[in-house]
């Protein structure tokens, strides 16, 4: 949760890979997750968090 709530990562600020959850629009995030082989139902669950305050 700390990664999601903080500012976007800067150059070199990542933990293995960049976290697109907070910093991408829904369409881009869905494509990134799909490219990682995430199941479409799981992608829907993740993108539902984008609409939470």
PDB file of N, CA and C in Angstrom:
ATOM      1  N   UNK A   1       0.828  -1.194   0.000  1.00  0.00           N
ATOM      2  CA  UNK A   1       0.000   0.000   0.000  1.00  0.00           C
ATOM      3  C   UNK A   1       0.869   1.254   0.000  1.00  0.00           C
ATOM      4  N   UNK A   2       2.002   1.200   0.674  1.00  0.00           N
ATOM      5  CA  UNK A   2       2.891   2.353   0.720  1.00  0.00           C
ATOM      6  C   UNK A   2       3.328   2.766  -0.682  1.00  0.00           C
ATOM      7  N   UNK A   3       3.649   1.800  -1.532  1.00  0.00           N
ATOM      8  CA  UNK A   3       4.084   2.105  -2.893  1.00  0.00           C
ATOM      9  C   UNK A   3       2.958   2.767  -3.674  1.00  0.00           C
ATOM     10  N   UNK A   4       1.744   2.293  -3.504  1.00  0.00           N
ATOM     11  CA  UNK A   4       0.598   2.815  -4.242  1.00  0.00           C
ATOM     12  C   UNK A   4       0.277   4.242  -3.818  1.00  0.00           C
ATOM     13  N   UNK A   5       0.388   4.556  -2.531  1.00  0.00           N
ATOM     14  CA  UNK A   5      -0.034   5.851  -2.016  1.00  0.00           C
ATOM     15  C   UNK A   5       1.039   6.935  -2.147  1.00  0.00           C
ATOM     16  N   UNK A   6       2.268   6.562  -2.404  1.00  0.00           N
ATOM     17  CA  UNK A   6       3.348   7.543  -2.510  1.00  0.00           C
ATOM     18  C   UNK A   6       3.424   8.155  -3.899  1.00  0.00           C
ATOM     19  N   UNK A   7       4.355   9.084  -4.060  1.00  0.00           N
ATOM     20  CA  UNK A   7       4.595   9.725  -5.352  1.00  0.00           C
ATOM     21  C   UNK A   7       5.088   8.703  -6.367  1.00  0.00           C
ATOM     22  N   UNK A   8       4.955   9.018  -7.662  1.00  0.00           N
ATOM     23  CA  UNK A   8       5.436   8.084  -8.677  1.00  0.00           C
ATOM     24  C   UNK A   8       6.940   7.855  -8.548  1.00  0.00           C
ATOM     25  N   UNK A   9       7.399   6.671  -8.910  1.00  0.00           N
ATOM     26  CA  UNK A   9       8.828   6.395  -8.805  1.00  0.00           C
ATOM     27  C   UNK A   9       9.644   7.268  -9.745  1.00  0.00           C
ATOM     28  N   UNK A  10      10.799   7.684  -9.267  1.00  0.00           N
ATOM     29  CA  UNK A  10      11.714   8.453 -10.097  1.00  0.00           C
ATOM     30  C   UNK A  10      12.678   7.515 -10.802  1.00  0.00           C
ATOM     31  N   UNK A  11      13.602   8.089 -11.525  1.00  0.00           N
ATOM     32  CA  UNK A  11      14.596   7.291 -12.243  1.00  0.00           C
ATOM     33  C   UNK A  11      15.388   6.462 -11.232  1.00  0.00           C
ATOM     34  N   UNK A  12      15.399   5.166 -11.435  1.00  0.00           N
ATOM     35  CA  UNK A  12      16.119   4.273 -10.541  1.00  0.00           C
ATOM     36  C   UNK A  12      15.379   3.906  -9.270  1.00  0.00           C
ATOM     37  N   UNK A  13      14.191   4.453  -9.047  1.00  0.00           N
ATOM     38  CA  UNK A  13      13.399   4.157  -7.853  1.00  0.00           C
ATOM     39  C   UNK A  13      12.370   3.086  -8.160  1.00  0.00           C
ATOM     40  N   UNK A  14      12.789   1.841  -8.047  1.00  0.00           N
ATOM     41  CA  UNK A  14      11.851   0.754  -8.262  1.00  0.00           C
ATOM     42  C   UNK A  14      12.356  -0.478  -7.536  1.00  0.00           C
ATOM     43  N   UNK A  15      11.476  -1.421  -7.350  1.00  0.00           N
ATOM     44  CA  UNK A  15      11.808  -2.645  -6.626  1.00  0.00           C
ATOM     45  C   UNK A  15      11.638  -3.823  -7.572  1.00  0.00           C
ATOM     46  N   UNK A  16      12.534  -3.996  -8.495  1.00  0.00           N
ATOM     47  CA  UNK A  16      12.475  -5.088  -9.449  1.00  0.00           C
ATOM     48  C   UNK A  16      11.810  -4.677 -10.746  1.00  0.00           C
ATOM     49  N   UNK A  17      10.739  -3.955 -10.663  1.00  0.00           N
ATOM     50  CA  UNK A  17      10.070  -3.410 -11.847  1.00  0.00           C
ATOM     51  C   UNK A  17       9.206  -2.251 -11.385  1.00  0.00           C
ATOM     52  N   UNK A  18       8.839  -1.398 -12.308  1.00  0.00           N
ATOM     53  CA  UNK A  18       8.038  -0.244 -11.900  1.00  0.00           C
ATOM     54  C   UNK A  18       6.615  -0.679 -11.573  1.00  0.00           C
ATOM     55  N   UNK A  19       5.969   0.043 -10.701  1.00  0.00           N
ATOM     56  CA  UNK A  19       4.611  -0.268 -10.275  1.00  0.00           C
ATOM     57  C   UNK A  19       3.637   0.581 -11.082  1.00  0.00           C
ATOM     58  N   UNK A  20       2.914  -0.014 -12.020  1.00  0.00           N
ATOM     59  CA  UNK A  20       2.002   0.759 -12.860  1.00  0.00           C
ATOM     60  C   UNK A  20       0.654   1.025 -12.223  1.00  0.00           C
ATOM     61  N   UNK A  21       0.401   0.425 -11.060  1.00  0.00           N
ATOM     62  CA  UNK A  21      -0.946   0.452 -10.497  1.00  0.00           C
ATOM     63  C   UNK A  21      -1.491   1.865 -10.325  1.00  0.00           C
ATOM     64  N   UNK A  22      -0.714   2.738  -9.717  1.00  0.00           N
ATOM     65  CA  UNK A  22      -1.194   4.091  -9.435  1.00  0.00           C
ATOM     66  C   UNK A  22      -0.932   5.058 -10.581  1.00  0.00           C
ATOM     67  N   UNK A  23       0.052   4.791 -11.390  1.00  0.00           N
ATOM     68  CA  UNK A  23       0.569   5.806 -12.294  1.00  0.00           C
ATOM     69  C   UNK A  23       0.206   5.613 -13.761  1.00  0.00           C
ATOM     70  N   UNK A  24      -0.651   4.661 -14.067  1.00  0.00           N
ATOM     71  CA  UNK A  24      -1.094   4.429 -15.445  1.00  0.00           C
ATOM     72  C   UNK A  24      -2.604   4.585 -15.531  1.00  0.00           C
ATOM     73  N   UNK A  25      -3.074   4.982 -16.701  1.00  0.00           N
ATOM     74  CA  UNK A  25      -4.521   4.986 -16.894  1.00  0.00           C
ATOM     75  C   UNK A  25      -4.990   3.537 -16.985  1.00  0.00           C
ATOM     76  N   UNK A  26      -6.291   3.322 -16.823  1.00  0.00           N
ATOM     77  CA  UNK A  26      -6.853   1.971 -16.750  1.00  0.00           C
ATOM     78  C   UNK A  26      -6.528   1.139 -17.990  1.00  0.00           C
ATOM     79  N   UNK A  27      -6.629   1.735 -19.148  1.00  0.00           N
ATOM     80  CA  UNK A  27      -6.386   0.999 -20.389  1.00  0.00           C
ATOM     81  C   UNK A  27      -4.940   0.501 -20.473  1.00  0.00           C
ATOM     82  N   UNK A  28      -4.010   1.371 -20.130  1.00  0.00           N
ATOM     83  CA  UNK A  28      -2.593   1.003 -20.162  1.00  0.00           C
ATOM     84  C   UNK A  28      -2.294  -0.069 -19.120  1.00  0.00           C
ATOM     85  N   UNK A  29      -2.851   0.092 -17.930  1.00  0.00           N
ATOM     86  CA  UNK A  29      -2.650  -0.887 -16.871  1.00  0.00           C
ATOM     87  C   UNK A  29      -3.183  -2.256 -17.286  1.00  0.00           C
ATOM     88  N   UNK A  30      -4.361  -2.285 -17.874  1.00  0.00           N
ATOM     89  CA  UNK A  30      -4.944  -3.553 -18.322  1.00  0.00           C
ATOM     90  C   UNK A  30      -4.034  -4.234 -19.340  1.00  0.00           C
ATOM     91  N   UNK A  31      -3.490  -3.467 -20.259  1.00  0.00           N
ATOM     92  CA  UNK A  31      -2.604  -4.042 -21.275  1.00  0.00           C
ATOM     93  C   UNK A  31      -1.321  -4.572 -20.649  1.00  0.00           C
ATOM     94  N   UNK A  32      -0.756  -3.829 -19.703  1.00  0.00           N
ATOM     95  CA  UNK A  32       0.459  -4.295 -19.024  1.00  0.00           C
ATOM     96  C   UNK A  32       0.210  -5.612 -18.297  1.00  0.00           C
ATOM     97  N   UNK A  33      -0.916  -5.694 -17.589  1.00  0.00           N
ATOM     98  CA  UNK A  33      -1.236  -6.917 -16.855  1.00  0.00           C
ATOM     99  C   UNK A  33      -1.497  -8.084 -17.801  1.00  0.00           C
ATOM    100  N   UNK A  34      -2.183  -7.806 -18.898  1.00  0.00           N
ATOM    101  CA  UNK A  34      -2.450  -8.847 -19.896  1.00  0.00           C
ATOM    102  C   UNK A  34      -1.136  -9.374 -20.470  1.00  0.00           C
ATOM    103  N   UNK A  35      -0.213  -8.463 -20.769  1.00  0.00           N
ATOM    104  CA  UNK A  35       1.091  -8.858 -21.315  1.00  0.00           C
ATOM    105  C   UNK A  35       1.903  -9.695 -20.324  1.00  0.00           C
ATOM    106  N   UNK A  36       1.597  -9.547 -19.030  1.00  0.00           N
ATOM    107  CA  UNK A  36       2.280 -10.339 -18.000  1.00  0.00           C
ATOM    108  C   UNK A  36       1.621 -11.697 -17.795  1.00  0.00           C
ATOM    109  N   UNK A  37       0.540 -11.955 -18.526  1.00  0.00           N
ATOM    110  CA  UNK A  37      -0.131 -13.245 -18.422  1.00  0.00           C
ATOM    111  C   UNK A  37      -1.158 -13.328 -17.309  1.00  0.00           C
ATOM    112  N   UNK A  38      -1.602 -12.187 -16.807  1.00  0.00           N
ATOM    113  CA  UNK A  38      -2.603 -12.160 -15.739  1.00  0.00           C
ATOM    114  C   UNK A  38      -3.971 -12.484 -16.332  1.00  0.00           C
ATOM    115  N   UNK A  39      -4.735 -13.311 -15.636  1.00  0.00           N
ATOM    116  CA  UNK A  39      -6.069 -13.713 -16.097  1.00  0.00           C
ATOM    117  C   UNK A  39      -6.999 -12.503 -16.130  1.00  0.00           C
ATOM    118  N   UNK A  40      -7.909 -12.470 -17.091  1.00  0.00           N
ATOM    119  CA  UNK A  40      -8.793 -11.313 -17.283  1.00  0.00           C
ATOM    120  C   UNK A  40      -9.647 -11.015 -16.057  1.00  0.00           C
ATOM    121  N   UNK A  41     -10.061 -12.031 -15.299  1.00  0.00           N
ATOM    122  CA  UNK A  41     -10.839 -11.782 -14.080  1.00  0.00           C
ATOM    123  C   UNK A  41      -9.994 -11.079 -13.023  1.00  0.00           C
ATOM    124  N   UNK A  42      -8.731 -11.459 -12.929  1.00  0.00           N
ATOM    125  CA  UNK A  42      -7.825 -10.810 -11.983  1.00  0.00           C
ATOM    126  C   UNK A  42      -7.525  -9.379 -12.410  1.00  0.00           C
ATOM    127  N   UNK A  43      -7.405  -9.153 -13.707  1.00  0.00           N
ATOM    128  CA  UNK A  43      -7.197  -7.798 -14.219  1.00  0.00           C
ATOM    129  C   UNK A  43      -8.383  -6.920 -13.846  1.00  0.00           C
ATOM    130  N   UNK A  44      -9.582  -7.452 -13.981  1.00  0.00           N
ATOM    131  CA  UNK A  44     -10.789  -6.692 -13.623  1.00  0.00           C
ATOM    132  C   UNK A  44     -10.774  -6.346 -12.136  1.00  0.00           C
ATOM    133  N   UNK A  45     -10.383  -7.296 -11.289  1.00  0.00           N
ATOM    134  CA  UNK A  45     -10.310  -7.029  -9.850  1.00  0.00           C
ATOM    135  C   UNK A  45      -9.314  -5.920  -9.541  1.00  0.00           C
ATOM    136  N   UNK A  46      -8.169  -5.944 -10.194  1.00  0.00           N
ATOM    137  CA  UNK A  46      -7.152  -4.911  -9.966  1.00  0.00           C
ATOM    138  C   UNK A  46      -7.658  -3.553 -10.435  1.00  0.00           C
ATOM    139  N   UNK A  47      -8.222  -3.493 -11.626  1.00  0.00           N
ATOM    140  CA  UNK A  47      -8.658  -2.200 -12.159  1.00  0.00           C
ATOM    141  C   UNK A  47      -9.843  -1.636 -11.385  1.00  0.00           C
ATOM    142  N   UNK A  48     -10.587  -2.478 -10.679  1.00  0.00           N
ATOM    143  CA  UNK A  48     -11.659  -1.965  -9.823  1.00  0.00           C
ATOM    144  C   UNK A  48     -11.103  -1.068  -8.724  1.00  0.00           C
ATOM    145  N   UNK A  49      -9.871  -1.310  -8.293  1.00  0.00           N
ATOM    146  CA  UNK A  49      -9.243  -0.472  -7.276  1.00  0.00           C
ATOM    147  C   UNK A  49      -8.957   0.938  -7.790  1.00  0.00           C
ATOM    148  N   UNK A  50      -8.867   1.119  -9.078  1.00  0.00           N
ATOM    149  CA  UNK A  50      -8.604   2.448  -9.635  1.00  0.00           C
ATOM    150  C   UNK A  50      -9.742   3.413  -9.358  1.00  0.00           C
ATOM    151  N   UNK A  51     -10.924   2.887  -9.162  1.00  0.00           N
ATOM    152  CA  UNK A  51     -12.098   3.736  -8.967  1.00  0.00           C
ATOM    153  C   UNK A  51     -12.370   4.037  -7.502  1.00  0.00           C
ATOM    154  N   UNK A  52     -11.546   3.510  -6.616  1.00  0.00           N
ATOM    155  CA  UNK A  52     -11.698   3.783  -5.189  1.00  0.00           C
ATOM    156  C   UNK A  52     -11.001   5.092  -4.844  1.00  0.00           C
ATOM    157  N   UNK A  53     -11.548   5.804  -3.860  1.00  0.00           N
ATOM    158  CA  UNK A  53     -10.905   7.073  -3.455  1.00  0.00           C
ATOM    159  C   UNK A  53      -9.571   6.876  -2.773  1.00  0.00           C
TER     160      UNK A  53
END
